[in-house]
C-alpha atoms as a PDB file:
ATOM      1  CA  UNK A   1     -44.762 164.625 139.934  1.00  0.00           C
ATOM      2  CA  UNK A   2     -46.672 161.809 141.643  1.00  0.00           C
ATOM      3  CA  UNK A   3     -45.225 159.504 144.300  1.00  0.00           C
ATOM      4  CA  UNK A   4     -44.730 156.624 141.841  1.00  0.00           C
ATOM      5  CA  UNK A   5     -42.363 158.636 139.617  1.00  0.00           C
ATOM      6  CA  UNK A   6     -38.808 158.636 140.928  1.00  0.00           C
ATOM      7  CA  UNK A   7     -37.131 161.993 141.165  1.00  0.00           C
ATOM      8  CA  UNK A   8     -33.821 162.638 139.406  1.00  0.00           C
ATOM      9  CA  UNK A   9     -32.080 162.355 142.774  1.00  0.00           C
ATOM     10  CA  UNK A  10     -33.402 158.816 143.242  1.00  0.00           C
ATOM     11  CA  UNK A  11     -32.213 157.573 139.844  1.00  0.00           C
ATOM     12  CA  UNK A  12     -28.873 155.825 139.809  1.00  0.00           C
ATOM     13  CA  UNK A  13     -26.076 157.732 138.137  1.00  0.00           C
ATOM     14  CA  UNK A  14     -25.075 156.365 134.746  1.00  0.00           C
ATOM     15  CA  UNK A  15     -22.062 154.095 135.058  1.00  0.00           C
ATOM     16  CA  UNK A  16     -18.699 155.651 134.296  1.00  0.00           C
ATOM     17  CA  UNK A  17     -17.184 154.600 131.012  1.00  0.00           C
ATOM     18  CA  UNK A  18     -15.109 151.518 131.735  1.00  0.00           C
ATOM     19  CA  UNK A  19     -12.059 150.311 129.842  1.00  0.00           C
ATOM     20  CA  UNK A  20     -14.142 148.046 127.593  1.00  0.00           C
ATOM     21  CA  UNK A  21     -16.423 150.955 126.650  1.00  0.00           C
ATOM     22  CA  UNK A  22     -13.479 153.175 125.755  1.00  0.00           C
ATOM     23  CA  UNK A  23     -11.901 150.390 123.684  1.00  0.00           C
ATOM     24  CA  UNK A  24     -15.234 149.818 121.915  1.00  0.00           C
ATOM     25  CA  UNK A  25     -15.491 153.527 121.104  1.00  0.00           C
ATOM     26  CA  UNK A  26     -11.896 153.550 119.807  1.00  0.00           C
ATOM     27  CA  UNK A  27     -12.547 150.526 117.592  1.00  0.00           C
ATOM     28  CA  UNK A  28     -15.795 152.010 116.246  1.00  0.00           C
ATOM     29  CA  UNK A  29     -14.063 155.319 115.579  1.00  0.00           C
ATOM     30  CA  UNK A  30     -11.361 153.585 113.519  1.00  0.00           C
ATOM     31  CA  UNK A  31     -14.076 151.855 111.533  1.00  0.00           C
ATOM     32  CA  UNK A  32     -15.626 155.249 110.746  1.00  0.00           C
ATOM     33  CA  UNK A  33     -12.223 156.703 109.831  1.00  0.00           C
ATOM     34  CA  UNK A  34     -11.491 153.728 107.580  1.00  0.00           C
ATOM     35  CA  UNK A  35     -14.754 154.316 105.723  1.00  0.00           C
ATOM     36  CA  UNK A  36     -13.821 157.994 105.244  1.00  0.00           C
ATOM     37  CA  UNK A  37     -10.431 156.926 103.846  1.00  0.00           C
ATOM     38  CA  UNK A  38     -12.050 154.507 101.410  1.00  0.00           C
ATOM     39  CA  UNK A  39     -11.043 151.410 103.385  1.00  0.00           C
ATOM     40  CA  UNK A  40     -13.349 148.644 104.554  1.00  0.00           C
ATOM     41  CA  UNK A  41     -14.634 149.626 108.023  1.00  0.00           C
ATOM     42  CA  UNK A  42     -14.066 146.116 109.359  1.00  0.00           C
ATOM     43  CA  UNK A  43     -10.428 146.387 108.345  1.00  0.00           C
ATOM     44  CA  UNK A  44     -10.137 149.559 110.432  1.00  0.00           C
ATOM     45  CA  UNK A  45     -11.908 147.972 113.377  1.00  0.00           C
ATOM     46  CA  UNK A  46      -9.751 144.826 113.256  1.00  0.00           C
ATOM     47  CA  UNK A  47      -6.585 146.870 113.187  1.00  0.00           C
ATOM     48  CA  UNK A  48      -7.800 149.156 115.978  1.00  0.00           C
ATOM     49  CA  UNK A  49      -8.681 146.236 118.245  1.00  0.00           C
ATOM     50  CA  UNK A  50      -5.372 144.481 117.616  1.00  0.00           C
ATOM     51  CA  UNK A  51      -3.406 147.701 118.087  1.00  0.00           C
ATOM     52  CA  UNK A  52      -5.102 149.124 121.169  1.00  0.00           C
ATOM     53  CA  UNK A  53      -5.268 145.803 123.027  1.00  0.00           C
ATOM     54  CA  UNK A  54      -1.634 144.922 122.362  1.00  0.00           C
ATOM     55  CA  UNK A  55      -2.688 141.280 122.573  1.00  0.00           C
ATOM     56  CA  UNK A  56      -2.468 138.328 120.221  1.00  0.00           C
ATOM     57  CA  UNK A  57      -5.877 137.324 118.869  1.00  0.00           C
ATOM     58  CA  UNK A  58      -7.243 134.367 116.957  1.00  0.00           C
ATOM     59  CA  UNK A  59      -9.429 135.081 113.969  1.00  0.00           C
ATOM     60  CA  UNK A  60     -12.333 133.486 115.826  1.00  0.00           C
ATOM     61  CA  UNK A  61     -11.850 135.722 118.871  1.00  0.00           C
ATOM     62  CA  UNK A  62     -11.731 138.779 116.604  1.00  0.00           C
ATOM     63  CA  UNK A  63     -14.890 137.617 114.829  1.00  0.00           C
ATOM     64  CA  UNK A  64     -16.727 137.144 118.106  1.00  0.00           C
ATOM     65  CA  UNK A  65     -15.578 140.463 119.589  1.00  0.00           C
ATOM     66  CA  UNK A  66     -16.527 142.482 116.501  1.00  0.00           C
ATOM     67  CA  UNK A  67     -19.595 140.367 115.662  1.00  0.00           C
ATOM     68  CA  UNK A  68     -18.695 139.977 111.987  1.00  0.00           C
ATOM     69  CA  UNK A  69     -18.521 136.965 109.698  1.00  0.00           C
ATOM     70  CA  UNK A  70     -15.549 134.617 109.474  1.00  0.00           C
ATOM     71  CA  UNK A  71     -15.121 135.521 105.822  1.00  0.00           C
ATOM     72  CA  UNK A  72     -15.056 139.232 106.619  1.00  0.00           C
ATOM     73  CA  UNK A  73     -12.401 138.681 109.296  1.00  0.00           C
ATOM     74  CA  UNK A  74     -10.347 136.437 107.023  1.00  0.00           C
ATOM     75  CA  UNK A  75     -10.475 138.805 104.056  1.00  0.00           C
ATOM     76  CA  UNK A  76      -9.561 141.853 106.151  1.00  0.00           C
ATOM     77  CA  UNK A  77      -6.782 140.089 108.067  1.00  0.00           C
ATOM     78  CA  UNK A  78      -5.235 139.138 104.704  1.00  0.00           C
ATOM     79  CA  UNK A  79      -5.400 142.770 103.663  1.00  0.00           C
ATOM     80  CA  UNK A  80      -3.849 143.970 106.950  1.00  0.00           C
ATOM     81  CA  UNK A  81      -1.090 141.375 106.562  1.00  0.00           C
ATOM     82  CA  UNK A  82      -0.526 142.661 103.021  1.00  0.00           C
ATOM     83  CA  UNK A  83      -0.194 146.222 104.289  1.00  0.00           C
ATOM     84  CA  UNK A  84       2.366 144.971 106.819  1.00  0.00           C
ATOM     85  CA  UNK A  85       0.538 146.446 109.822  1.00  0.00           C
ATOM     86  CA  UNK A  86      -0.493 143.065 111.269  1.00  0.00           C
ATOM     87  CA  UNK A  87       1.566 139.881 111.469  1.00  0.00           C
ATOM     88  CA  UNK A  88       0.985 136.238 112.319  1.00  0.00           C
ATOM     89  CA  UNK A  89       2.368 135.125 115.654  1.00  0.00           C
ATOM     90  CA  UNK A  90       3.176 131.533 116.516  1.00  0.00           C
ATOM     91  CA  UNK A  91       3.422 130.288 120.071  1.00  0.00           C
ATOM     92  CA  UNK A  92       5.114 126.981 120.811  1.00  0.00           C
ATOM     93  CA  UNK A  93       2.479 124.300 121.319  1.00  0.00           C
ATOM     94  CA  UNK A  94      -0.301 126.533 119.958  1.00  0.00           C
ATOM     95  CA  UNK A  95      -1.985 125.220 116.814  1.00  0.00           C
ATOM     96  CA  UNK A  96      -4.210 128.219 116.170  1.00  0.00           C
ATOM     97  CA  UNK A  97      -2.927 131.173 114.190  1.00  0.00           C
ATOM     98  CA  UNK A  98      -2.627 134.334 116.219  1.00  0.00           C
ATOM     99  CA  UNK A  99      -2.500 137.893 114.938  1.00  0.00           C
ATOM    100  CA  UNK A 100      -0.782 140.949 116.380  1.00  0.00           C
ATOM    101  CA  UNK A 101      -0.665 144.567 115.201  1.00  0.00           C
ATOM    102  CA  UNK A 102       2.582 146.388 114.663  1.00  0.00           C
ATOM    103  CA  UNK A 103       3.009 148.452 117.799  1.00  0.00           C
ATOM    104  CA  UNK A 104       5.656 150.949 116.687  1.00  0.00           C
ATOM    105  CA  UNK A 105       3.819 154.066 115.528  1.00  0.00           C
ATOM    106  CA  UNK A 106       6.631 155.229 113.210  1.00  0.00           C
ATOM    107  CA  UNK A 107       6.764 151.826 111.509  1.00  0.00           C
ATOM    108  CA  UNK A 108       2.966 151.911 111.126  1.00  0.00           C
ATOM    109  CA  UNK A 109       3.143 155.380 109.593  1.00  0.00           C
ATOM    110  CA  UNK A 110       5.826 154.304 107.130  1.00  0.00           C
ATOM    111  CA  UNK A 111       3.940 151.193 106.053  1.00  0.00           C
ATOM    112  CA  UNK A 112       0.639 153.007 105.643  1.00  0.00           C
ATOM    113  CA  UNK A 113       2.185 155.870 103.668  1.00  0.00           C
ATOM    114  CA  UNK A 114       4.070 153.409 101.468  1.00  0.00           C
ATOM    115  CA  UNK A 115       0.878 151.483 100.726  1.00  0.00           C
ATOM    116  CA  UNK A 116      -1.222 154.616 100.092  1.00  0.00           C
ATOM    117  CA  UNK A 117       1.514 155.952  97.813  1.00  0.00           C
ATOM    118  CA  UNK A 118       1.546 152.697  95.833  1.00  0.00           C
ATOM    119  CA  UNK A 119      -2.249 152.470  95.573  1.00  0.00           C
ATOM    120  CA  UNK A 120      -3.174 156.133  95.098  1.00  0.00           C
ATOM    121  CA  UNK A 121      -0.352 158.553  94.381  1.00  0.00           C
ATOM    122  CA  UNK A 122       1.620 156.539  91.824  1.00  0.00           C
ATOM    123  CA  UNK A 123      -1.398 155.663  89.612  1.00  0.00           C
ATOM    124  CA  UNK A 124      -2.574 159.287  89.737  1.00  0.00           C
ATOM    125  CA  UNK A 125       0.858 160.588  88.705  1.00  0.00           C
ATOM    126  CA  UNK A 126       0.942 158.052  85.855  1.00  0.00           C
ATOM    127  CA  UNK A 127      -2.474 159.212  84.666  1.00  0.00           C
ATOM    128  CA  UNK A 128      -1.392 162.861  84.819  1.00  0.00           C
ATOM    129  CA  UNK A 129       1.727 162.002  82.792  1.00  0.00           C
ATOM    130  CA  UNK A 130      -0.514 160.333  80.203  1.00  0.00           C
ATOM    131  CA  UNK A 131      -2.766 163.416  80.141  1.00  0.00           C
ATOM    132  CA  UNK A 132       0.216 165.727  79.701  1.00  0.00           C
ATOM    133  CA  UNK A 133       1.416 163.627  76.762  1.00  0.00           C
ATOM    134  CA  UNK A 134      -2.001 163.561  75.064  1.00  0.00           C
ATOM    135  CA  UNK A 135      -1.912 165.617  71.863  1.00  0.00           C
ATOM    136  CA  UNK A 136      -4.313 168.474  71.207  1.00  0.00           C
ATOM    137  CA  UNK A 137      -5.655 168.875  74.747  1.00  0.00           C
ATOM    138  CA  UNK A 138      -4.567 172.441  75.386  1.00  0.00           C
ATOM    139  CA  UNK A 139      -6.776 175.374  74.659  1.00  0.00           C
ATOM    140  CA  UNK A 140      -8.248 178.486  76.168  1.00  0.00           C
ATOM    141  CA  UNK A 141      -9.249 176.631  79.382  1.00  0.00           C
ATOM    142  CA  UNK A 142      -5.612 175.974  80.350  1.00  0.00           C
ATOM    143  CA  UNK A 143      -5.930 172.177  80.436  1.00  0.00           C
ATOM    144  CA  UNK A 144      -2.173 171.561  80.277  1.00  0.00           C
ATOM    145  CA  UNK A 145      -1.506 174.231  82.912  1.00  0.00           C
ATOM    146  CA  UNK A 146      -3.889 172.517  85.345  1.00  0.00           C
ATOM    147  CA  UNK A 147      -2.439 169.085  84.596  1.00  0.00           C
ATOM    148  CA  UNK A 148       1.119 170.339  85.098  1.00  0.00           C
ATOM    149  CA  UNK A 149       0.252 172.234  88.302  1.00  0.00           C
ATOM    150  CA  UNK A 150      -1.362 169.118  89.784  1.00  0.00           C
ATOM    151  CA  UNK A 151       1.542 166.949  88.578  1.00  0.00           C
ATOM    152  CA  UNK A 152       4.095 169.284  90.244  1.00  0.00           C
ATOM    153  CA  UNK A 153       2.126 169.275  93.507  1.00  0.00           C
ATOM    154  CA  UNK A 154       1.856 165.484  93.559  1.00  0.00           C
ATOM    155  CA  UNK A 155       5.561 165.314  92.721  1.00  0.00           C
ATOM    156  CA  UNK A 156       6.268 167.381  95.833  1.00  0.00           C
ATOM    157  CA  UNK A 157       4.095 165.031  97.918  1.00  0.00           C
ATOM    158  CA  UNK A 158       5.934 162.069  96.437  1.00  0.00           C
ATOM    159  CA  UNK A 159       9.326 163.601  97.275  1.00  0.00           C
ATOM    160  CA  UNK A 160       8.172 164.469 100.796  1.00  0.00           C
ATOM    161  CA  UNK A 161       6.854 160.959 101.413  1.00  0.00           C
ATOM    162  CA  UNK A 162      10.122 159.478 100.099  1.00  0.00           C
ATOM    163  CA  UNK A 163      12.108 161.660 102.509  1.00  0.00           C
ATOM    164  CA  UNK A 164       9.836 160.681 105.400  1.00  0.00           C
ATOM    165  CA  UNK A 165      10.122 156.990 104.537  1.00  0.00           C
ATOM    166  CA  UNK A 166      13.921 157.240 104.549  1.00  0.00           C
ATOM    167  CA  UNK A 167      13.961 158.655 108.088  1.00  0.00           C
ATOM    168  CA  UNK A 168      14.771 156.454 111.021  1.00  0.00           C
ATOM    169  CA  UNK A 169      12.892 156.676 114.315  1.00  0.00           C
ATOM    170  CA  UNK A 170      15.505 159.054 115.776  1.00  0.00           C
ATOM    171  CA  UNK A 171      15.190 161.439 112.854  1.00  0.00           C
ATOM    172  CA  UNK A 172      11.407 161.248 113.106  1.00  0.00           C
ATOM    173  CA  UNK A 173      11.610 162.165 116.795  1.00  0.00           C
ATOM    174  CA  UNK A 174      13.819 165.133 115.895  1.00  0.00           C
ATOM    175  CA  UNK A 175      11.302 166.208 113.239  1.00  0.00           C
ATOM    176  CA  UNK A 176       8.564 165.962 115.866  1.00  0.00           C
ATOM    177  CA  UNK A 177      10.527 168.211 118.199  1.00  0.00           C
ATOM    178  CA  UNK A 178      11.162 170.677 115.368  1.00  0.00           C
ATOM    179  CA  UNK A 179       7.467 170.803 114.470  1.00  0.00           C
ATOM    180  CA  UNK A 180       6.496 171.152 118.127  1.00  0.00           C
ATOM    181  CA  UNK A 181       8.900 174.084 118.490  1.00  0.00           C
ATOM    182  CA  UNK A 182       7.275 175.737 115.444  1.00  0.00           C
ATOM    183  CA  UNK A 183       3.818 175.362 117.004  1.00  0.00           C
ATOM    184  CA  UNK A 184       4.963 177.026 120.228  1.00  0.00           C
ATOM    185  CA  UNK A 185       6.632 179.988 118.487  1.00  0.00           C
END
């Protein structure tokens, strides 16, 4: 190594991850998860930023922070409002619309499961019912057996989600304790 090349000891240490860096990573991670779940990544990032910050944001502030278009923010905020996981907030004397994420995790879980059930589970069950009713589809491959097995399984998921949705926060906490006890045993 020549004298003009700094040694590793002379190089400054990389800065520790600050709060903004951790928030950025969280927001980006939710965008990746959203994509994996078949949801627009910007929708995941908007929700993550609103949720983790706990603040009220204008659409313009969200657009600037995430560096996305106004239309993208608008479209995804509408969708988040439709899911019930974000709401409009009005402050006296404030003309701009503000947005805030639902902060209660149990409420978020219930709303997300309800929406996924409506969009995914119910149409799939309906299609399976139509397949089961279709004449002449059984044969040596066990078509009807597979349809019925999948229909029963999805029926169990539907019943489980209905039971979960009927639980209050106290019951959910008790379920959490029960599941935690099972993990420790």
